[in-house]
Amino acid sequence: MSKMKTRMGKATSRLFIGIPPCGSTQAYFDELIRRCRARIEQQQRNQIHWTRPHDRHLTLGFLGETPDYLIPSIEQGLVQIAGTVSRASGHLFSLTPFPAQNAHLLAAELTGDPNLQKLHQLCQQLIIHLGMTPGRRSYRPHITLARGREGFCGLVPVHLDYSMPLNTIALYKSIPAPDSSHYQRLFETALCGIPL
């Protein structure tokens, strides 16, 4: 059972909006991780936490600590967003330490597909509509595949050329754990809008 925080007597959850990878993309990531593990020295391997398949996601918007009573409104907003954006694909082009070479994350980065940018913008608008403050960093779409205490400086960036289907959007709840947070999918809806 997840740890619930309260603010002003109301239950809250740490939430974000994202895209779950489909089965073929998960298989692609599994093979990519297998090849990465083979290139990393044993001593460094023991310091790396690889993201579990069910925790992999492409973040679209971060809500942070959110009152639970807003969850139905978020779900309704996601249904409306999904009705305006069509299924598409995002191009994975690089596996690299993220966001910089000395970072503790290893991520697969995507190029800025128009549908992906539109999804991000609509999610930001939804967060504002709910009376919350969206993140102000520039959007760099990526999927975190590993976290390393010592970073990944010894790993040369890997060129990727893979089209990741963007079929659904989902509301996630972040659940703290001793090794790393886990992510529970609370709601998911298919993209069904008219293509750009």
N, C-alpha and C. Protein backbone atom coordinates (compact mmCIF):
# COMPACT_ATOMS: atom_id res chain seq x y z
N MET A 1 0.85 -1.19 0.00
CA MET A 1 0.00 0.00 0.00
C MET A 1 0.89 1.24 0.00
N SER A 2 0.54 2.23 -0.82
CA SER A 2 1.39 3.40 -0.95
C SER A 2 1.28 4.30 0.26
N LYS A 3 2.35 5.06 0.48
CA LYS A 3 2.37 6.02 1.57
C LYS A 3 1.60 7.26 1.14
N MET A 4 0.61 7.65 1.90
CA MET A 4 -0.22 8.80 1.57
C MET A 4 0.20 9.98 2.43
N LYS A 5 0.38 11.11 1.79
CA LYS A 5 0.68 12.33 2.53
C LYS A 5 -0.59 13.16 2.62
N THR A 6 -0.67 13.97 3.63
CA THR A 6 -1.84 14.82 3.76
C THR A 6 -1.41 16.26 3.84
N ARG A 7 -2.23 17.11 3.26
CA ARG A 7 -2.00 18.54 3.32
C ARG A 7 -3.34 19.17 3.65
N MET A 8 -3.39 19.91 4.75
CA MET A 8 -4.62 20.54 5.21
C MET A 8 -5.72 19.49 5.38
N GLY A 9 -5.34 18.29 5.88
CA GLY A 9 -6.32 17.26 6.15
C GLY A 9 -6.79 16.49 4.92
N LYS A 10 -6.27 16.77 3.75
CA LYS A 10 -6.70 16.09 2.53
C LYS A 10 -5.61 15.13 2.05
N ALA A 11 -6.01 13.92 1.64
CA ALA A 11 -5.06 12.95 1.13
C ALA A 11 -4.50 13.42 -0.21
N THR A 12 -3.21 13.21 -0.41
CA THR A 12 -2.57 13.58 -1.67
C THR A 12 -1.76 12.42 -2.21
N SER A 13 -1.48 12.46 -3.50
CA SER A 13 -0.62 11.48 -4.15
C SER A 13 0.33 12.22 -5.07
N ARG A 14 1.51 11.65 -5.27
CA ARG A 14 2.50 12.23 -6.18
C ARG A 14 2.20 11.71 -7.58
N LEU A 15 1.75 12.58 -8.47
CA LEU A 15 1.24 12.16 -9.77
C LEU A 15 2.01 12.77 -10.93
N PHE A 16 1.96 12.06 -12.06
CA PHE A 16 2.45 12.61 -13.33
C PHE A 16 1.71 11.95 -14.48
N ILE A 17 1.79 12.57 -15.64
CA ILE A 17 1.14 12.07 -16.85
C ILE A 17 2.23 11.57 -17.79
N GLY A 18 2.00 10.42 -18.40
CA GLY A 18 3.03 9.88 -19.28
C GLY A 18 2.46 8.93 -20.33
N ILE A 19 3.38 8.40 -21.13
CA ILE A 19 3.04 7.43 -22.16
C ILE A 19 3.74 6.12 -21.82
N PRO A 20 2.98 5.03 -21.65
CA PRO A 20 3.61 3.73 -21.41
C PRO A 20 4.11 3.12 -22.72
N PRO A 21 5.31 2.54 -22.73
CA PRO A 21 5.79 1.87 -23.94
C PRO A 21 4.94 0.65 -24.27
N CYS A 22 4.72 0.39 -25.54
CA CYS A 22 3.99 -0.80 -25.97
C CYS A 22 4.91 -2.03 -25.86
N GLY A 23 4.36 -3.20 -26.13
CA GLY A 23 5.13 -4.44 -25.98
C GLY A 23 6.37 -4.50 -26.85
N SER A 24 6.27 -4.06 -28.11
CA SER A 24 7.43 -4.11 -29.00
C SER A 24 8.52 -3.15 -28.53
N THR A 25 8.13 -2.00 -27.98
CA THR A 25 9.12 -1.05 -27.47
C THR A 25 9.78 -1.61 -26.21
N GLN A 26 9.01 -2.27 -25.36
CA GLN A 26 9.59 -2.90 -24.17
C GLN A 26 10.63 -3.95 -24.57
N ALA A 27 10.33 -4.74 -25.60
CA ALA A 27 11.29 -5.74 -26.07
C ALA A 27 12.55 -5.07 -26.61
N TYR A 28 12.38 -3.93 -27.28
CA TYR A 28 13.53 -3.17 -27.78
C TYR A 28 14.39 -2.69 -26.62
N PHE A 29 13.76 -2.16 -25.57
CA PHE A 29 14.51 -1.69 -24.40
C PHE A 29 15.21 -2.85 -23.69
N ASP A 30 14.55 -4.00 -23.61
CA ASP A 30 15.17 -5.17 -22.96
C ASP A 30 16.47 -5.54 -23.66
N GLU A 31 16.45 -5.55 -25.00
CA GLU A 31 17.65 -5.89 -25.76
C GLU A 31 18.71 -4.80 -25.61
N LEU A 32 18.29 -3.55 -25.60
CA LEU A 32 19.21 -2.43 -25.44
C LEU A 32 19.92 -2.51 -24.09
N ILE A 33 19.18 -2.82 -23.04
CA ILE A 33 19.75 -2.94 -21.70
C ILE A 33 20.71 -4.13 -21.65
N ARG A 34 20.34 -5.24 -22.30
CA ARG A 34 21.22 -6.41 -22.32
C ARG A 34 22.58 -6.06 -22.93
N ARG A 35 22.56 -5.27 -24.02
CA ARG A 35 23.81 -4.88 -24.67
C ARG A 35 24.60 -3.90 -23.80
N CYS A 36 23.89 -3.01 -23.11
CA CYS A 36 24.57 -2.05 -22.22
C CYS A 36 25.24 -2.77 -21.07
N ARG A 37 24.56 -3.72 -20.48
CA ARG A 37 25.12 -4.47 -19.35
C ARG A 37 26.43 -5.16 -19.75
N ALA A 38 26.46 -5.65 -20.98
CA ALA A 38 27.65 -6.35 -21.45
C ALA A 38 28.84 -5.40 -21.60
N ARG A 39 28.57 -4.10 -21.77
CA ARG A 39 29.64 -3.12 -21.96
C ARG A 39 30.11 -2.48 -20.64
N ILE A 40 29.37 -2.71 -19.59
CA ILE A 40 29.70 -2.07 -18.30
C ILE A 40 30.48 -3.04 -17.43
N GLU A 41 31.52 -2.55 -16.80
CA GLU A 41 32.36 -3.39 -15.94
C GLU A 41 31.55 -3.89 -14.75
N GLN A 42 31.94 -5.07 -14.25
CA GLN A 42 31.21 -5.73 -13.16
C GLN A 42 31.06 -4.84 -11.94
N GLN A 43 32.13 -4.13 -11.57
CA GLN A 43 32.09 -3.29 -10.38
C GLN A 43 31.03 -2.19 -10.52
N GLN A 44 30.94 -1.59 -11.71
CA GLN A 44 29.96 -0.55 -11.93
C GLN A 44 28.55 -1.12 -12.03
N ARG A 45 28.43 -2.35 -12.57
CA ARG A 45 27.12 -2.98 -12.72
C ARG A 45 26.39 -3.08 -11.39
N ASN A 46 27.13 -3.36 -10.31
CA ASN A 46 26.53 -3.52 -8.99
C ASN A 46 25.99 -2.21 -8.43
N GLN A 47 26.37 -1.08 -9.02
CA GLN A 47 25.92 0.22 -8.53
C GLN A 47 24.80 0.80 -9.39
N ILE A 48 24.32 0.00 -10.33
CA ILE A 48 23.30 0.49 -11.27
C ILE A 48 21.95 -0.18 -10.97
N HIS A 49 20.91 0.65 -10.93
CA HIS A 49 19.54 0.15 -10.80
C HIS A 49 18.85 0.33 -12.14
N TRP A 50 18.50 -0.79 -12.79
CA TRP A 50 17.85 -0.75 -14.09
C TRP A 50 16.34 -0.60 -13.89
N THR A 51 15.73 0.27 -14.65
CA THR A 51 14.29 0.53 -14.52
C THR A 51 13.50 -0.72 -14.90
N ARG A 52 12.59 -1.12 -14.03
CA ARG A 52 11.74 -2.28 -14.32
C ARG A 52 10.82 -1.97 -15.51
N PRO A 53 10.49 -2.99 -16.30
CA PRO A 53 9.65 -2.74 -17.48
C PRO A 53 8.35 -2.00 -17.15
N HIS A 54 7.66 -2.37 -16.05
CA HIS A 54 6.38 -1.73 -15.75
C HIS A 54 6.56 -0.30 -15.23
N ASP A 55 7.80 0.11 -14.93
CA ASP A 55 8.06 1.47 -14.48
C ASP A 55 8.55 2.38 -15.60
N ARG A 56 8.86 1.83 -16.77
CA ARG A 56 9.32 2.66 -17.89
C ARG A 56 8.18 3.51 -18.42
N HIS A 57 8.47 4.75 -18.72
CA HIS A 57 7.44 5.66 -19.21
C HIS A 57 8.09 6.88 -19.85
N LEU A 58 7.32 7.55 -20.67
CA LEU A 58 7.72 8.82 -21.27
C LEU A 58 6.87 9.90 -20.61
N THR A 59 7.49 10.74 -19.79
CA THR A 59 6.75 11.77 -19.06
C THR A 59 6.26 12.87 -20.00
N LEU A 60 4.99 13.27 -19.79
CA LEU A 60 4.40 14.37 -20.53
C LEU A 60 4.17 15.59 -19.64
N GLY A 61 3.89 15.35 -18.39
CA GLY A 61 3.63 16.45 -17.46
C GLY A 61 3.71 15.96 -16.03
N PHE A 62 4.28 16.78 -15.15
CA PHE A 62 4.47 16.40 -13.75
C PHE A 62 3.57 17.25 -12.87
N LEU A 63 2.68 16.59 -12.11
CA LEU A 63 1.78 17.31 -11.23
C LEU A 63 2.34 17.43 -9.81
N GLY A 64 3.18 16.48 -9.40
CA GLY A 64 3.69 16.49 -8.03
C GLY A 64 2.61 16.09 -7.04
N GLU A 65 2.74 16.54 -5.79
CA GLU A 65 1.76 16.21 -4.75
C GLU A 65 0.42 16.83 -5.12
N THR A 66 -0.57 15.97 -5.34
CA THR A 66 -1.87 16.40 -5.86
C THR A 66 -2.98 15.88 -4.95
N PRO A 67 -3.93 16.72 -4.58
CA PRO A 67 -5.08 16.23 -3.80
C PRO A 67 -5.80 15.11 -4.55
N ASP A 68 -6.10 14.04 -3.84
CA ASP A 68 -6.73 12.89 -4.48
C ASP A 68 -8.10 13.23 -5.08
N TYR A 69 -8.78 14.23 -4.53
CA TYR A 69 -10.10 14.56 -5.07
C TYR A 69 -10.02 15.11 -6.49
N LEU A 70 -8.83 15.51 -6.93
CA LEU A 70 -8.66 16.02 -8.30
C LEU A 70 -8.48 14.91 -9.33
N ILE A 71 -8.25 13.68 -8.87
CA ILE A 71 -7.95 12.58 -9.80
C ILE A 71 -9.05 12.39 -10.84
N PRO A 72 -10.35 12.38 -10.48
CA PRO A 72 -11.38 12.24 -11.53
C PRO A 72 -11.33 13.37 -12.56
N SER A 73 -11.02 14.59 -12.12
CA SER A 73 -10.92 15.72 -13.06
C SER A 73 -9.72 15.53 -13.99
N ILE A 74 -8.63 15.00 -13.48
CA ILE A 74 -7.45 14.74 -14.31
C ILE A 74 -7.79 13.68 -15.36
N GLU A 75 -8.46 12.62 -14.93
CA GLU A 75 -8.83 11.55 -15.85
C GLU A 75 -9.73 12.09 -16.96
N GLN A 76 -10.70 12.93 -16.59
CA GLN A 76 -11.58 13.53 -17.59
C GLN A 76 -10.79 14.40 -18.55
N GLY A 77 -9.82 15.16 -18.02
CA GLY A 77 -8.97 15.98 -18.87
C GLY A 77 -8.14 15.15 -19.84
N LEU A 78 -7.66 14.00 -19.39
CA LEU A 78 -6.86 13.14 -20.27
C LEU A 78 -7.71 12.55 -21.38
N VAL A 79 -8.96 12.23 -21.09
CA VAL A 79 -9.87 11.73 -22.13
C VAL A 79 -10.06 12.81 -23.20
N GLN A 80 -10.23 14.05 -22.77
CA GLN A 80 -10.39 15.15 -23.72
C GLN A 80 -9.13 15.35 -24.56
N ILE A 81 -7.96 15.28 -23.91
CA ILE A 81 -6.69 15.41 -24.65
C ILE A 81 -6.55 14.29 -25.67
N ALA A 82 -6.84 13.06 -25.24
CA ALA A 82 -6.69 11.89 -26.13
C ALA A 82 -7.59 12.01 -27.35
N GLY A 83 -8.71 12.72 -27.20
CA GLY A 83 -9.63 12.89 -28.31
C GLY A 83 -9.17 13.92 -29.33
N THR A 84 -8.11 14.67 -29.01
CA THR A 84 -7.63 15.71 -29.93
C THR A 84 -6.29 15.35 -30.58
N VAL A 85 -5.64 14.31 -30.09
CA VAL A 85 -4.32 13.93 -30.61
C VAL A 85 -4.37 12.50 -31.14
N SER A 86 -3.85 12.29 -32.34
CA SER A 86 -3.89 10.96 -32.94
C SER A 86 -2.69 10.13 -32.51
N ARG A 87 -2.82 8.83 -32.73
CA ARG A 87 -1.68 7.94 -32.53
C ARG A 87 -0.56 8.34 -33.47
N ALA A 88 0.65 8.23 -32.99
CA ALA A 88 1.80 8.62 -33.82
C ALA A 88 3.00 7.78 -33.37
N SER A 89 4.19 8.25 -33.67
CA SER A 89 5.40 7.57 -33.21
C SER A 89 6.44 8.62 -32.85
N GLY A 90 7.27 8.28 -31.88
CA GLY A 90 8.37 9.14 -31.49
C GLY A 90 9.68 8.47 -31.86
N HIS A 91 10.61 9.22 -32.39
CA HIS A 91 11.87 8.64 -32.85
C HIS A 91 12.91 8.66 -31.74
N LEU A 92 13.32 7.46 -31.29
CA LEU A 92 14.41 7.33 -30.32
C LEU A 92 15.72 7.47 -31.09
N PHE A 93 16.57 8.42 -30.66
CA PHE A 93 17.78 8.68 -31.43
C PHE A 93 19.07 8.51 -30.64
N SER A 94 19.01 8.44 -29.30
CA SER A 94 20.26 8.35 -28.54
C SER A 94 20.02 7.73 -27.17
N LEU A 95 20.95 6.89 -26.75
CA LEU A 95 21.00 6.39 -25.37
C LEU A 95 22.22 7.04 -24.73
N THR A 96 21.99 7.85 -23.70
CA THR A 96 23.08 8.67 -23.16
C THR A 96 22.80 9.05 -21.71
N PRO A 97 23.84 9.39 -20.94
CA PRO A 97 23.58 9.96 -19.61
C PRO A 97 22.70 11.20 -19.76
N PHE A 98 21.74 11.36 -18.85
CA PHE A 98 20.75 12.43 -19.00
C PHE A 98 20.58 13.18 -17.69
N PRO A 99 20.53 14.52 -17.73
CA PRO A 99 20.49 15.40 -18.91
C PRO A 99 21.87 15.83 -19.41
N ALA A 100 22.94 15.42 -18.73
CA ALA A 100 24.30 15.78 -19.14
C ALA A 100 25.21 14.57 -18.96
N GLN A 101 26.43 14.65 -19.50
CA GLN A 101 27.33 13.50 -19.51
C GLN A 101 27.67 12.99 -18.11
N ASN A 102 27.66 13.89 -17.11
CA ASN A 102 28.02 13.48 -15.75
C ASN A 102 26.81 13.12 -14.89
N ALA A 103 25.63 12.95 -15.52
CA ALA A 103 24.40 12.69 -14.78
C ALA A 103 24.32 11.26 -14.27
N HIS A 104 23.40 11.04 -13.34
CA HIS A 104 23.22 9.72 -12.72
C HIS A 104 22.09 8.93 -13.38
N LEU A 105 21.53 9.46 -14.46
CA LEU A 105 20.50 8.75 -15.20
C LEU A 105 21.03 8.33 -16.56
N LEU A 106 20.55 7.18 -17.04
CA LEU A 106 20.81 6.74 -18.40
C LEU A 106 19.46 6.70 -19.10
N ALA A 107 19.32 7.44 -20.21
CA ALA A 107 18.00 7.58 -20.83
C ALA A 107 18.06 7.46 -22.34
N ALA A 108 16.96 6.97 -22.90
CA ALA A 108 16.76 6.95 -24.34
C ALA A 108 16.02 8.23 -24.70
N GLU A 109 16.64 9.07 -25.53
CA GLU A 109 16.03 10.36 -25.89
C GLU A 109 15.25 10.25 -27.19
N LEU A 110 14.20 11.08 -27.29
CA LEU A 110 13.36 11.14 -28.48
C LEU A 110 13.45 12.52 -29.11
N THR A 111 13.26 12.56 -30.42
CA THR A 111 13.18 13.84 -31.11
C THR A 111 11.81 14.46 -30.84
N GLY A 112 11.67 15.74 -31.14
CA GLY A 112 10.44 16.47 -30.86
C GLY A 112 9.37 16.29 -31.91
N ASP A 113 8.71 15.15 -31.96
CA ASP A 113 7.61 14.89 -32.89
C ASP A 113 6.48 15.89 -32.62
N PRO A 114 5.83 16.43 -33.67
CA PRO A 114 4.76 17.41 -33.46
C PRO A 114 3.64 16.92 -32.54
N ASN A 115 3.22 15.65 -32.70
CA ASN A 115 2.17 15.12 -31.83
C ASN A 115 2.64 15.04 -30.38
N LEU A 116 3.91 14.68 -30.19
CA LEU A 116 4.46 14.59 -28.84
C LEU A 116 4.52 15.97 -28.20
N GLN A 117 4.95 16.96 -28.96
CA GLN A 117 4.98 18.33 -28.44
C GLN A 117 3.57 18.82 -28.10
N LYS A 118 2.61 18.49 -28.97
CA LYS A 118 1.23 18.89 -28.71
C LYS A 118 0.71 18.24 -27.43
N LEU A 119 0.99 16.96 -27.24
CA LEU A 119 0.58 16.26 -26.03
C LEU A 119 1.16 16.93 -24.79
N HIS A 120 2.44 17.25 -24.85
CA HIS A 120 3.10 17.91 -23.72
C HIS A 120 2.42 19.24 -23.42
N GLN A 121 2.17 20.04 -24.44
CA GLN A 121 1.55 21.36 -24.24
C GLN A 121 0.15 21.23 -23.66
N LEU A 122 -0.63 20.26 -24.14
CA LEU A 122 -1.98 20.07 -23.63
C LEU A 122 -1.96 19.60 -22.17
N CYS A 123 -1.00 18.77 -21.83
CA CYS A 123 -0.87 18.32 -20.44
C CYS A 123 -0.48 19.49 -19.53
N GLN A 124 0.41 20.36 -20.01
CA GLN A 124 0.77 21.55 -19.24
C GLN A 124 -0.45 22.44 -19.02
N GLN A 125 -1.27 22.59 -20.06
CA GLN A 125 -2.49 23.40 -19.94
C GLN A 125 -3.47 22.79 -18.94
N LEU A 126 -3.57 21.46 -18.95
CA LEU A 126 -4.44 20.78 -18.00
C LEU A 126 -3.98 21.03 -16.57
N ILE A 127 -2.68 20.95 -16.33
CA ILE A 127 -2.13 21.19 -15.00
C ILE A 127 -2.45 22.60 -14.53
N ILE A 128 -2.31 23.57 -15.42
CA ILE A 128 -2.64 24.96 -15.09
C ILE A 128 -4.14 25.10 -14.80
N HIS A 129 -4.97 24.45 -15.62
CA HIS A 129 -6.42 24.50 -15.44
C HIS A 129 -6.83 23.96 -14.07
N LEU A 130 -6.07 23.00 -13.56
CA LEU A 130 -6.36 22.41 -12.25
C LEU A 130 -5.89 23.31 -11.10
N GLY A 131 -5.26 24.44 -11.45
CA GLY A 131 -4.79 25.36 -10.42
C GLY A 131 -3.42 25.01 -9.89
N MET A 132 -2.66 24.21 -10.65
CA MET A 132 -1.33 23.79 -10.22
C MET A 132 -0.28 24.43 -11.13
N THR A 133 0.97 24.33 -10.71
CA THR A 133 2.06 24.94 -11.47
C THR A 133 2.85 23.86 -12.21
N PRO A 134 2.87 23.90 -13.54
CA PRO A 134 3.66 22.90 -14.29
C PRO A 134 5.15 23.19 -14.21
N GLY A 135 5.96 22.19 -14.51
CA GLY A 135 7.41 22.39 -14.55
C GLY A 135 7.79 23.41 -15.60
N ARG A 136 8.83 24.18 -15.32
CA ARG A 136 9.22 25.25 -16.23
C ARG A 136 10.43 24.90 -17.10
N ARG A 137 10.99 23.72 -16.92
CA ARG A 137 12.13 23.32 -17.75
C ARG A 137 11.69 23.09 -19.19
N SER A 138 12.62 23.30 -20.12
CA SER A 138 12.31 22.99 -21.52
C SER A 138 12.10 21.48 -21.64
N TYR A 139 11.19 21.08 -22.51
CA TYR A 139 10.81 19.69 -22.61
C TYR A 139 11.80 18.90 -23.45
N ARG A 140 12.44 17.90 -22.84
CA ARG A 140 13.35 16.98 -23.54
C ARG A 140 12.81 15.57 -23.34
N PRO A 141 12.00 15.09 -24.29
CA PRO A 141 11.38 13.78 -24.10
C PRO A 141 12.42 12.66 -24.00
N HIS A 142 12.25 11.81 -22.99
CA HIS A 142 13.19 10.71 -22.75
C HIS A 142 12.52 9.64 -21.90
N ILE A 143 13.12 8.46 -21.93
CA ILE A 143 12.68 7.36 -21.08
C ILE A 143 13.89 6.90 -20.29
N THR A 144 13.80 6.99 -18.97
CA THR A 144 14.91 6.59 -18.09
C THR A 144 14.98 5.07 -18.05
N LEU A 145 16.17 4.54 -18.35
CA LEU A 145 16.38 3.09 -18.34
C LEU A 145 17.23 2.63 -17.18
N ALA A 146 17.99 3.55 -16.55
CA ALA A 146 18.83 3.15 -15.42
C ALA A 146 19.22 4.36 -14.59
N ARG A 147 19.55 4.08 -13.33
CA ARG A 147 20.12 5.08 -12.42
C ARG A 147 21.40 4.48 -11.85
N GLY A 148 22.46 5.30 -11.83
CA GLY A 148 23.75 4.81 -11.33
C GLY A 148 24.32 5.76 -10.29
N ARG A 149 24.71 5.26 -9.14
CA ARG A 149 25.26 6.12 -8.07
C ARG A 149 26.52 6.84 -8.53
N GLU A 150 27.31 6.19 -9.38
CA GLU A 150 28.56 6.80 -9.86
C GLU A 150 28.41 7.42 -11.24
N GLY A 151 27.19 7.45 -11.76
CA GLY A 151 26.97 8.02 -13.09
C GLY A 151 27.35 7.05 -14.20
N PHE A 152 27.38 7.57 -15.42
CA PHE A 152 27.63 6.74 -16.60
C PHE A 152 28.69 7.37 -17.50
N CYS A 153 29.64 8.06 -16.90
CA CYS A 153 30.66 8.76 -17.69
C CYS A 153 31.45 7.82 -18.59
N GLY A 154 31.62 6.56 -18.16
CA GLY A 154 32.40 5.62 -18.96
C GLY A 154 31.65 5.03 -20.12
N LEU A 155 30.35 5.32 -20.23
CA LEU A 155 29.55 4.74 -21.30
C LEU A 155 29.39 5.74 -22.43
N VAL A 156 29.91 5.39 -23.59
CA VAL A 156 29.82 6.27 -24.76
C VAL A 156 28.37 6.28 -25.24
N PRO A 157 27.82 7.46 -25.55
CA PRO A 157 26.44 7.50 -26.06
C PRO A 157 26.24 6.57 -27.25
N VAL A 158 25.09 5.91 -27.27
CA VAL A 158 24.77 4.94 -28.31
C VAL A 158 23.74 5.56 -29.26
N HIS A 159 24.03 5.52 -30.55
CA HIS A 159 23.07 6.01 -31.54
C HIS A 159 21.92 5.02 -31.67
N LEU A 160 20.69 5.54 -31.62
CA LEU A 160 19.50 4.71 -31.77
C LEU A 160 18.73 5.14 -33.02
N ASP A 161 17.97 4.22 -33.55
CA ASP A 161 17.11 4.52 -34.70
C ASP A 161 15.87 3.63 -34.58
N TYR A 162 14.94 4.09 -33.76
CA TYR A 162 13.75 3.27 -33.47
C TYR A 162 12.53 4.17 -33.35
N SER A 163 11.43 3.76 -33.98
CA SER A 163 10.18 4.50 -33.88
C SER A 163 9.32 3.89 -32.78
N MET A 164 9.10 4.66 -31.72
CA MET A 164 8.29 4.20 -30.59
C MET A 164 6.84 4.61 -30.80
N PRO A 165 5.93 3.65 -30.89
CA PRO A 165 4.51 4.01 -31.04
C PRO A 165 4.01 4.82 -29.84
N LEU A 166 3.27 5.87 -30.13
CA LEU A 166 2.63 6.69 -29.10
C LEU A 166 1.13 6.43 -29.22
N ASN A 167 0.64 5.47 -28.44
CA ASN A 167 -0.74 5.00 -28.60
C ASN A 167 -1.68 5.47 -27.49
N THR A 168 -1.15 5.63 -26.28
CA THR A 168 -2.01 5.96 -25.14
C THR A 168 -1.33 6.98 -24.23
N ILE A 169 -2.14 7.63 -23.40
CA ILE A 169 -1.60 8.46 -22.32
C ILE A 169 -2.16 7.92 -21.01
N ALA A 170 -1.40 8.11 -19.95
CA ALA A 170 -1.79 7.52 -18.67
C ALA A 170 -1.48 8.46 -17.52
N LEU A 171 -2.24 8.29 -16.45
CA LEU A 171 -1.98 8.97 -15.19
C LEU A 171 -1.26 8.00 -14.28
N TYR A 172 -0.11 8.42 -13.76
CA TYR A 172 0.71 7.58 -12.91
C TYR A 172 0.78 8.13 -11.49
N LYS A 173 0.92 7.21 -10.55
CA LYS A 173 1.17 7.56 -9.16
C LYS A 173 2.56 7.07 -8.79
N SER A 174 3.37 7.94 -8.24
CA SER A 174 4.73 7.58 -7.83
C SER A 174 4.70 7.08 -6.39
N ILE A 175 5.22 5.87 -6.18
CA ILE A 175 5.22 5.23 -4.87
C ILE A 175 6.66 5.06 -4.41
N PRO A 176 7.07 5.75 -3.34
CA PRO A 176 8.46 5.64 -2.87
C PRO A 176 8.79 4.22 -2.43
N ALA A 177 10.03 3.81 -2.70
CA ALA A 177 10.54 2.50 -2.28
C ALA A 177 12.00 2.68 -1.92
N PRO A 178 12.58 1.75 -1.13
CA PRO A 178 13.98 1.90 -0.69
C PRO A 178 14.98 2.01 -1.84
N ASP A 179 14.78 1.24 -2.92
CA ASP A 179 15.75 1.26 -4.01
C ASP A 179 15.46 2.38 -5.00
N SER A 180 14.19 2.57 -5.34
CA SER A 180 13.79 3.59 -6.30
C SER A 180 12.27 3.67 -6.27
N SER A 181 11.72 4.76 -6.77
CA SER A 181 10.26 4.87 -6.80
C SER A 181 9.67 3.87 -7.79
N HIS A 182 8.46 3.41 -7.49
CA HIS A 182 7.69 2.58 -8.42
C HIS A 182 6.52 3.41 -8.91
N TYR A 183 6.01 3.05 -10.08
CA TYR A 183 4.96 3.85 -10.69
C TYR A 183 3.73 3.00 -10.98
N GLN A 184 2.63 3.39 -10.39
CA GLN A 184 1.37 2.68 -10.56
C GLN A 184 0.50 3.44 -11.57
N ARG A 185 0.03 2.73 -12.59
CA ARG A 185 -0.84 3.35 -13.58
C ARG A 185 -2.26 3.40 -13.01
N LEU A 186 -2.76 4.60 -12.80
CA LEU A 186 -4.10 4.77 -12.25
C LEU A 186 -5.17 4.80 -13.32
N PHE A 187 -4.81 5.30 -14.50
CA PHE A 187 -5.79 5.50 -15.57
C PHE A 187 -5.05 5.57 -16.89
N GLU A 188 -5.69 5.04 -17.94
CA GLU A 188 -5.07 5.05 -19.26
C GLU A 188 -6.15 5.20 -20.33
N THR A 189 -5.86 5.96 -21.36
CA THR A 189 -6.82 6.15 -22.44
C THR A 189 -6.09 6.23 -23.78
N ALA A 190 -6.71 5.71 -24.82
CA ALA A 190 -6.08 5.64 -26.15
C ALA A 190 -6.17 6.98 -26.86
N LEU A 191 -5.13 7.33 -27.59
CA LEU A 191 -5.15 8.51 -28.44
C LEU A 191 -6.03 8.20 -29.65
N CYS A 192 -6.96 9.10 -29.95
CA CYS A 192 -7.92 8.80 -31.02
C CYS A 192 -8.32 10.05 -31.82
N GLY A 193 -7.49 11.08 -31.76
CA GLY A 193 -7.80 12.30 -32.48
C GLY A 193 -7.50 12.19 -33.97
N ILE A 194 -7.78 13.27 -34.68
CA ILE A 194 -7.52 13.32 -36.12
C ILE A 194 -6.04 13.59 -36.35
N PRO A 195 -5.36 12.86 -37.25
CA PRO A 195 -3.94 13.08 -37.50
C PRO A 195 -3.64 14.52 -37.93
N LEU A 196 -2.45 15.01 -37.52
CA LEU A 196 -2.04 16.37 -37.90
C LEU A 196 -1.78 16.44 -39.41
